[in-house]
Amino acid sequence: MFKIKNLFLLMTLIMAAIFFGCQNTESPIDPFSNNNPVEISKASIPYGASIDSAALFIKVASGSEDEVTLHRITNPWQESMVTWNNFGAAYNTDVEGSFTPTLADWIHVDVTSLVYNWFDETYPNYGVLLKESSPDQFKYYNSREAGDGPYLKVWWTKDGMSGYDSTGAFADSHIRSDSGDINYGSALQLATGWQDTIEQQTLITFEIEKVYTGCTRSSGYWKTHSIYGPAPYDSTWELLGEDSTFFLSNKTYYEVSWTPPKKGNAYYILSFAYIGTALNLLGGADPFDVQDAFDEATELFETYTPKYIEGLNGNDPLRQQFLSLKSTLEQYNSGMIGPGMCQENSLKALRTE
């Protein structure tokens, strides 16, 4: 059953093979010069894109033979306030990547899996922590305050087209175990490592945003562009499934979309608009103007059967709720609200309704 909780999960991203590793091997990644040109911004990636690869770049100020590991941060933190004590070891112990900074220079480390999970919203993006396990010495890196701080590059693919975006660190800091309540957010350097029993760890956050690039199509367009035709197939239907069951209707999505609303059954009146909206959202249309109405309609379909709604009187408040939501969803599908209707075939699609 298609539910709003799983709407974006249906857009499962297929992660490509990781094509680069640590800084000691040849790689298609070319680090920027010492004057890092990446501004502090957001890495903008189209909604529905596949994350092919991602790399974190950081400039090492002093190197050694000790391995540095990367870990996913599990709680929010603020650059100007974070300390060893209030951070409270809020990171996952699973290693997301590693590197050995033997030279004082730019290095990069693969973080594809981590960025994939952030973009797919498997985990919230609270950033990455750098730490060491060897009790040897401290290592230092340039922070964003130094002007050439850490940055992230993300390569993606969507609809056969490839692209990438870069972003500088939104926030970075280091924390130190013997200075439990001191904040180092404005420091020019980051640090990892040990000296005796004193440990330092580095925290970095990058902002990644989904850019909705899709337009909307009418409910009539989606009705006729399933795998069953009669119009050419639109593969967005694959993400929903024409033959999957539509909530409590005992019918498939395709069958529901072609069911006439006998006796003015508001269930089918709303379902026609709902299916169109679901497909528009899966196609990458910005959900902002319709998300609340879509969620409300989802809850109704999860609760009521077609037979129950058919038995309601014309002015019944529940029936009127169904009809009101239908109106909102159709405004979105037809471009009256939301990102706007797709120009190609829009007039033809409207004629099929």
Protein backbone atom coordinates (compact mmCIF):
# COMPACT_ATOMS: atom_id res chain seq x y z
CA MET A 1 0.00 0.00 0.00
CA PHE A 2 1.29 3.42 -0.94
CA LYS A 3 1.59 5.68 2.11
CA ILE A 4 3.02 9.16 2.56
CA LYS A 5 5.48 7.87 5.15
CA ASN A 6 7.09 5.82 2.39
CA LEU A 7 6.63 8.29 -0.46
CA PHE A 8 10.19 9.39 -0.65
CA LEU A 9 11.54 5.97 0.23
CA LEU A 10 9.99 4.69 -2.99
CA MET A 11 12.49 6.85 -4.81
CA THR A 12 15.18 4.35 -3.88
CA LEU A 13 18.56 5.59 -4.93
CA ILE A 14 20.80 2.99 -6.57
CA MET A 15 24.32 3.74 -5.40
CA ALA A 16 26.99 3.28 -8.04
CA ALA A 17 30.23 1.43 -7.38
CA ILE A 18 32.68 3.46 -5.36
CA PHE A 19 35.38 4.51 -7.79
CA PHE A 20 37.90 6.12 -5.53
CA GLY A 21 39.57 5.31 -2.26
CA CYS A 22 42.15 6.79 0.02
CA GLN A 23 44.57 9.59 -0.85
CA ASN A 24 47.43 7.20 -1.62
CA THR A 25 45.82 5.71 -4.73
CA GLU A 26 45.15 7.17 -8.14
CA SER A 27 41.72 8.70 -8.37
CA PRO A 28 39.57 10.69 -10.80
CA ILE A 29 39.25 13.35 -8.09
CA ASP A 30 41.44 16.39 -8.56
CA PRO A 31 41.63 18.37 -5.31
CA PHE A 32 41.39 22.12 -5.69
CA SER A 33 44.44 24.30 -5.23
CA ASN A 34 45.54 25.56 -1.86
CA ASN A 35 43.28 28.59 -2.34
CA ASN A 36 40.11 26.61 -1.94
CA PRO A 37 37.46 28.17 -4.26
CA VAL A 38 34.48 26.42 -2.67
CA GLU A 39 32.17 28.85 -0.90
CA ILE A 40 30.11 28.04 2.17
CA SER A 41 26.79 27.19 0.59
CA LYS A 42 24.56 24.18 0.08
CA ALA A 43 25.26 21.20 -2.16
CA SER A 44 22.16 21.28 -4.37
CA ILE A 45 21.19 17.89 -5.78
CA PRO A 46 18.05 17.20 -7.86
CA TYR A 47 15.30 15.29 -6.11
CA GLY A 48 15.28 11.69 -7.34
CA ALA A 49 18.96 11.71 -8.34
CA SER A 50 21.27 8.79 -7.69
CA ILE A 51 24.36 9.57 -5.63
CA ASP A 52 27.26 8.19 -7.66
CA SER A 53 30.07 9.24 -5.34
CA ALA A 54 31.06 11.80 -2.75
CA ALA A 55 34.34 12.92 -1.23
CA LEU A 56 35.37 15.03 1.73
CA PHE A 57 38.43 17.24 1.18
CA ILE A 58 40.48 18.59 4.06
CA LYS A 59 43.83 20.39 4.17
CA VAL A 60 46.32 18.74 6.53
CA ALA A 61 48.60 21.16 8.37
CA SER A 62 50.74 18.42 9.96
CA GLY A 63 50.87 14.74 9.05
CA SER A 64 51.82 11.42 10.60
CA GLU A 65 51.39 7.68 10.05
CA ASP A 66 48.29 7.37 12.25
CA GLU A 67 44.93 6.50 10.69
CA VAL A 68 42.04 8.94 11.03
CA THR A 69 38.53 7.48 10.93
CA LEU A 70 35.25 9.18 10.02
CA HIS A 71 32.00 8.64 11.91
CA ARG A 72 28.40 9.82 11.49
CA ILE A 73 27.35 12.39 14.11
CA THR A 74 24.03 11.45 15.69
CA ASN A 75 22.91 14.68 17.41
CA PRO A 76 22.78 18.35 16.36
CA TRP A 77 25.53 20.70 17.52
CA GLN A 78 26.47 24.35 17.09
CA GLU A 79 29.91 25.55 16.06
CA SER A 80 29.97 28.44 18.54
CA MET A 81 28.77 26.34 21.48
CA VAL A 82 29.99 22.75 21.11
CA THR A 83 32.40 21.42 23.76
CA TRP A 84 33.69 18.01 24.71
CA ASN A 85 31.21 17.80 27.57
CA ASN A 86 28.03 18.97 25.85
CA PHE A 87 28.75 16.96 22.70
CA GLY A 88 28.74 13.83 24.81
CA ALA A 89 30.30 11.44 22.28
CA ALA A 90 27.25 11.77 20.01
CA TYR A 91 28.57 9.77 17.09
CA ASN A 92 28.11 6.30 15.62
CA THR A 93 31.09 4.02 16.19
CA ASP A 94 30.78 2.48 12.70
CA VAL A 95 33.57 3.74 10.44
CA GLU A 96 32.30 5.67 7.40
CA GLY A 97 35.74 6.19 5.88
CA SER A 98 39.41 6.64 6.79
CA PHE A 99 42.66 8.22 5.66
CA THR A 100 46.30 8.50 6.74
CA PRO A 101 47.56 12.10 6.39
CA THR A 102 51.26 11.42 5.88
CA LEU A 103 51.89 14.78 4.21
CA ALA A 104 50.86 18.35 4.97
CA ASP A 105 48.63 18.84 1.94
CA TRP A 106 45.08 18.41 0.67
CA ILE A 107 43.69 14.91 1.06
CA HIS A 108 40.33 13.43 0.17
CA VAL A 109 38.35 10.52 1.55
CA ASP A 110 35.39 8.64 0.10
CA VAL A 111 32.12 9.37 1.95
CA THR A 112 29.70 8.06 -0.68
CA SER A 113 27.77 5.80 1.66
CA LEU A 114 27.38 8.54 4.27
CA VAL A 115 26.12 11.15 1.79
CA TYR A 116 23.84 8.57 0.18
CA ASN A 117 22.14 7.96 3.54
CA TRP A 118 21.84 11.68 4.25
CA PHE A 119 20.29 12.39 0.86
CA ASP A 120 17.97 9.39 1.13
CA GLU A 121 16.99 10.63 4.62
CA THR A 122 17.94 7.31 6.18
CA TYR A 123 19.79 9.36 8.79
CA PRO A 124 19.57 13.07 9.66
CA ASN A 125 22.56 15.08 8.48
CA TYR A 126 24.36 16.25 11.61
CA GLY A 127 27.79 16.00 10.02
CA VAL A 128 30.88 13.84 10.39
CA LEU A 129 33.37 13.33 13.22
CA LEU A 130 37.09 12.70 12.70
CA LYS A 131 39.01 10.81 15.37
CA GLU A 132 41.99 8.55 15.98
CA SER A 133 42.53 5.49 18.10
CA SER A 134 46.34 5.58 18.35
CA PRO A 135 47.77 7.32 21.43
CA ASP A 136 50.56 9.10 19.60
CA GLN A 137 50.28 12.78 18.74
CA PHE A 138 47.89 15.49 17.61
CA LYS A 139 47.29 16.24 13.94
CA TYR A 140 46.03 19.58 12.70
CA TYR A 141 43.93 20.69 9.70
CA ASN A 142 42.81 24.05 8.35
CA SER A 143 39.38 25.14 9.51
CA ARG A 144 36.93 27.19 7.45
CA GLU A 145 37.99 30.27 9.43
CA ALA A 146 41.43 29.90 7.83
CA GLY A 147 39.94 30.43 4.37
CA ASP A 148 40.72 27.00 2.96
CA GLY A 149 38.69 24.72 5.17
CA PRO A 150 37.04 21.37 4.51
CA TYR A 151 34.69 20.96 1.59
CA LEU A 152 32.48 18.30 0.07
CA LYS A 153 31.97 17.23 -3.56
CA VAL A 154 29.01 15.12 -4.64
CA TRP A 155 28.56 13.48 -8.05
CA TRP A 156 25.02 12.47 -9.07
CA THR A 157 23.01 11.11 -11.99
CA LYS A 158 19.39 11.72 -12.92
CA ASP A 159 17.48 10.77 -16.06
CA GLY A 160 20.69 9.88 -17.88
CA MET A 161 22.35 13.21 -17.07
CA SER A 162 25.30 13.57 -14.71
CA GLY A 163 26.42 16.47 -12.56
CA TYR A 164 28.18 17.42 -9.37
CA ASP A 165 28.10 20.14 -6.75
CA SER A 166 30.51 21.34 -4.09
CA THR A 167 30.03 23.03 -0.76
CA GLY A 168 32.33 24.33 1.91
CA ALA A 169 31.84 23.35 5.52
CA PHE A 170 28.77 24.98 7.06
CA ALA A 171 30.32 24.52 10.50
CA ASP A 172 33.51 22.98 11.89
CA SER A 173 35.18 22.77 15.27
CA HIS A 174 37.38 20.53 17.37
CA ILE A 175 36.76 19.38 20.92
CA ARG A 176 39.34 18.47 23.55
CA SER A 177 38.91 16.08 26.46
CA ASP A 178 40.97 18.07 28.97
CA SER A 179 39.04 21.28 28.14
CA GLY A 180 35.59 19.88 28.61
CA ASP A 181 33.70 23.19 28.67
CA ILE A 182 35.83 25.22 26.22
CA ASN A 183 34.56 25.93 22.70
CA TYR A 184 37.03 26.02 19.79
CA GLY A 185 34.55 26.91 17.05
CA SER A 186 36.42 30.06 15.96
CA ALA A 187 39.87 28.45 15.87
CA LEU A 188 41.89 28.56 12.64
CA GLN A 189 42.76 24.87 12.97
CA LEU A 190 40.95 21.59 13.55
CA ALA A 191 42.61 18.72 15.39
CA THR A 192 42.54 14.97 15.97
CA GLY A 193 44.74 12.61 17.96
CA TRP A 194 46.09 11.88 21.40
CA GLN A 195 48.79 13.03 23.76
CA ASP A 196 48.97 10.80 26.81
CA THR A 197 45.31 10.64 27.97
CA ILE A 198 44.17 13.81 26.19
CA GLU A 199 42.11 13.31 23.03
CA GLN A 200 41.01 15.77 20.34
CA GLN A 201 38.25 15.17 17.79
CA THR A 202 37.04 17.23 14.82
CA LEU A 203 33.42 17.91 13.89
CA ILE A 204 32.34 19.07 10.40
CA THR A 205 28.90 19.76 8.95
CA PHE A 206 27.95 20.22 5.29
CA GLU A 207 24.51 21.33 4.09
CA ILE A 208 22.90 19.21 1.37
CA GLU A 209 19.55 20.18 -0.14
CA LYS A 210 17.18 18.45 -2.54
CA VAL A 211 16.23 20.65 -5.46
CA TYR A 212 12.81 19.93 -6.88
CA THR A 213 13.06 20.34 -10.64
CA GLY A 214 9.81 18.65 -11.68
CA CYS A 215 6.58 20.18 -12.93
CA THR A 216 3.08 18.72 -12.54
CA ARG A 217 0.81 16.90 -14.96
CA SER A 218 -2.94 16.56 -14.82
CA SER A 219 -4.71 13.55 -13.36
CA GLY A 220 -5.98 12.80 -16.86
CA TYR A 221 -2.42 12.59 -18.14
CA TRP A 222 -1.45 10.00 -15.54
CA LYS A 223 -4.63 8.02 -16.10
CA THR A 224 -3.78 7.46 -19.76
CA HIS A 225 0.02 7.10 -19.51
CA SER A 226 0.23 3.93 -17.42
CA ILE A 227 1.67 0.69 -18.74
CA TYR A 228 -1.82 -0.12 -20.05
CA GLY A 229 -2.01 2.99 -22.25
CA PRO A 230 -3.60 4.15 -24.42
CA ALA A 231 -1.01 6.96 -24.42
CA PRO A 232 2.78 6.31 -24.37
CA TYR A 233 4.02 4.90 -21.07
CA ASP A 234 5.40 7.29 -18.43
CA SER A 235 7.89 5.33 -16.32
CA THR A 236 7.05 7.34 -13.19
CA TRP A 237 4.29 4.77 -12.76
CA GLU A 238 7.00 2.21 -11.94
CA LEU A 239 7.64 4.01 -8.64
CA LEU A 240 4.01 3.63 -7.64
CA GLY A 241 2.93 0.44 -9.38
CA GLU A 242 -0.23 0.28 -11.44
CA ASP A 243 -1.04 -3.15 -10.02
CA SER A 244 -0.35 -2.40 -6.36
CA THR A 245 -3.41 -2.24 -4.08
CA PHE A 246 -4.93 1.17 -3.41
CA PHE A 247 -5.42 1.28 0.37
CA LEU A 248 -8.73 -0.38 1.47
CA SER A 249 -10.38 -0.38 -1.96
CA ASN A 250 -9.55 -4.00 -2.92
CA LYS A 251 -8.62 -2.53 -6.30
CA THR A 252 -5.32 -1.63 -7.93
CA TYR A 253 -4.19 1.94 -8.49
CA TYR A 254 -4.92 1.49 -12.20
CA GLU A 255 -8.42 0.12 -11.54
CA VAL A 256 -9.23 2.91 -9.10
CA SER A 257 -8.09 5.57 -11.56
CA TRP A 258 -10.64 4.25 -14.11
CA THR A 259 -13.54 3.68 -11.67
CA PRO A 260 -16.46 6.09 -12.24
CA PRO A 261 -17.70 7.74 -9.00
CA LYS A 262 -21.18 6.21 -8.99
CA LYS A 263 -23.73 8.08 -6.90
CA GLY A 264 -21.15 10.84 -6.51
CA ASN A 265 -18.92 8.64 -4.37
CA ALA A 266 -16.40 11.10 -2.94
CA TYR A 267 -13.93 8.27 -2.36
CA TYR A 268 -13.29 7.86 -6.10
CA ILE A 269 -13.59 11.59 -6.77
CA LEU A 270 -10.68 12.19 -4.38
CA SER A 271 -8.71 9.09 -5.41
CA PHE A 272 -8.50 10.30 -9.01
CA ALA A 273 -6.80 13.53 -7.91
CA TYR A 274 -4.78 11.74 -5.23
CA ILE A 275 -3.16 9.32 -7.66
CA GLY A 276 -2.24 12.19 -9.96
CA THR A 277 -0.64 14.07 -7.07
CA ALA A 278 1.26 10.99 -5.88
CA LEU A 279 2.77 10.53 -9.33
CA ASN A 280 3.64 14.21 -9.61
CA LEU A 281 5.46 14.05 -6.27
CA LEU A 282 7.31 10.92 -7.32
CA GLY A 283 8.26 12.72 -10.51
CA GLY A 284 10.08 15.39 -8.51
CA ALA A 285 7.52 18.19 -8.26
CA ASP A 286 7.95 20.42 -5.20
CA PRO A 287 5.48 19.19 -2.55
CA PHE A 288 5.42 22.37 -0.44
CA ASP A 289 1.98 23.68 -1.46
CA VAL A 290 0.23 20.31 -1.36
CA GLN A 291 1.97 18.22 1.28
CA ASP A 292 -0.51 18.88 4.11
CA ALA A 293 -3.52 18.11 1.91
CA PHE A 294 -1.82 15.00 0.55
CA ASP A 295 -1.03 13.75 4.05
CA GLU A 296 -4.61 14.38 5.16
CA ALA A 297 -5.97 12.48 2.15
CA THR A 298 -3.60 9.61 2.88
CA GLU A 299 -4.98 9.29 6.41
CA LEU A 300 -8.55 9.20 5.05
CA PHE A 301 -7.73 6.43 2.58
CA GLU A 302 -6.02 4.48 5.34
CA THR A 303 -9.24 4.70 7.41
CA TYR A 304 -12.26 4.45 5.10
CA THR A 305 -13.49 2.10 2.38
CA PRO A 306 -15.25 3.13 -0.83
CA LYS A 307 -18.47 1.53 0.38
CA TYR A 308 -18.48 3.53 3.60
CA ILE A 309 -17.98 6.86 1.80
CA GLU A 310 -20.61 5.96 -0.81
CA GLY A 311 -23.23 5.70 1.94
CA LEU A 312 -22.71 9.25 3.21
CA ASN A 313 -25.30 11.96 2.62
CA GLY A 314 -24.40 14.79 0.27
CA ASN A 315 -23.72 17.33 3.02
CA ASP A 316 -22.02 14.96 5.42
CA PRO A 317 -18.89 16.70 6.84
CA LEU A 318 -16.68 13.70 6.04
CA ARG A 319 -17.85 13.64 2.43
CA GLN A 320 -17.26 17.39 2.18
CA GLN A 321 -13.73 16.84 3.53
CA PHE A 322 -13.04 14.38 0.71
CA LEU A 323 -14.32 16.88 -1.88
CA SER A 324 -12.36 19.79 -0.41
CA LEU A 325 -9.12 17.82 -0.55
CA LYS A 326 -9.89 16.81 -4.13
CA SER A 327 -10.12 20.47 -5.05
CA THR A 328 -6.73 21.27 -3.51
CA LEU A 329 -4.99 18.32 -5.13
CA GLU A 330 -6.44 19.14 -8.54
CA GLN A 331 -5.28 22.75 -8.24
CA TYR A 332 -1.79 21.39 -7.68
CA ASN A 333 -1.98 18.89 -10.54
CA SER A 334 -3.25 21.54 -12.96
CA GLY A 335 -0.58 24.09 -12.03
CA MET A 336 -2.81 26.60 -10.26
CA ILE A 337 -0.66 26.13 -7.15
CA GLY A 338 2.75 24.50 -6.76
CA PRO A 339 5.63 24.52 -9.25
CA GLY A 340 3.42 24.79 -12.34
CA MET A 341 2.19 22.43 -14.98
CA CYS A 342 4.51 20.85 -17.53
CA GLN A 343 4.18 22.63 -20.85
CA GLU A 344 4.72 19.62 -23.05
CA ASN A 345 1.46 17.78 -23.73
CA SER A 346 -0.37 19.79 -21.03
CA LEU A 347 -3.24 20.81 -23.28
CA LYS A 348 -3.56 17.30 -24.63
CA ALA A 349 -3.61 15.86 -21.12
CA LEU A 350 -6.35 18.25 -20.04
CA ARG A 351 -8.50 17.18 -22.97
CA THR A 352 -8.38 13.54 -21.79
CA GLU A 353 -10.03 14.36 -18.44
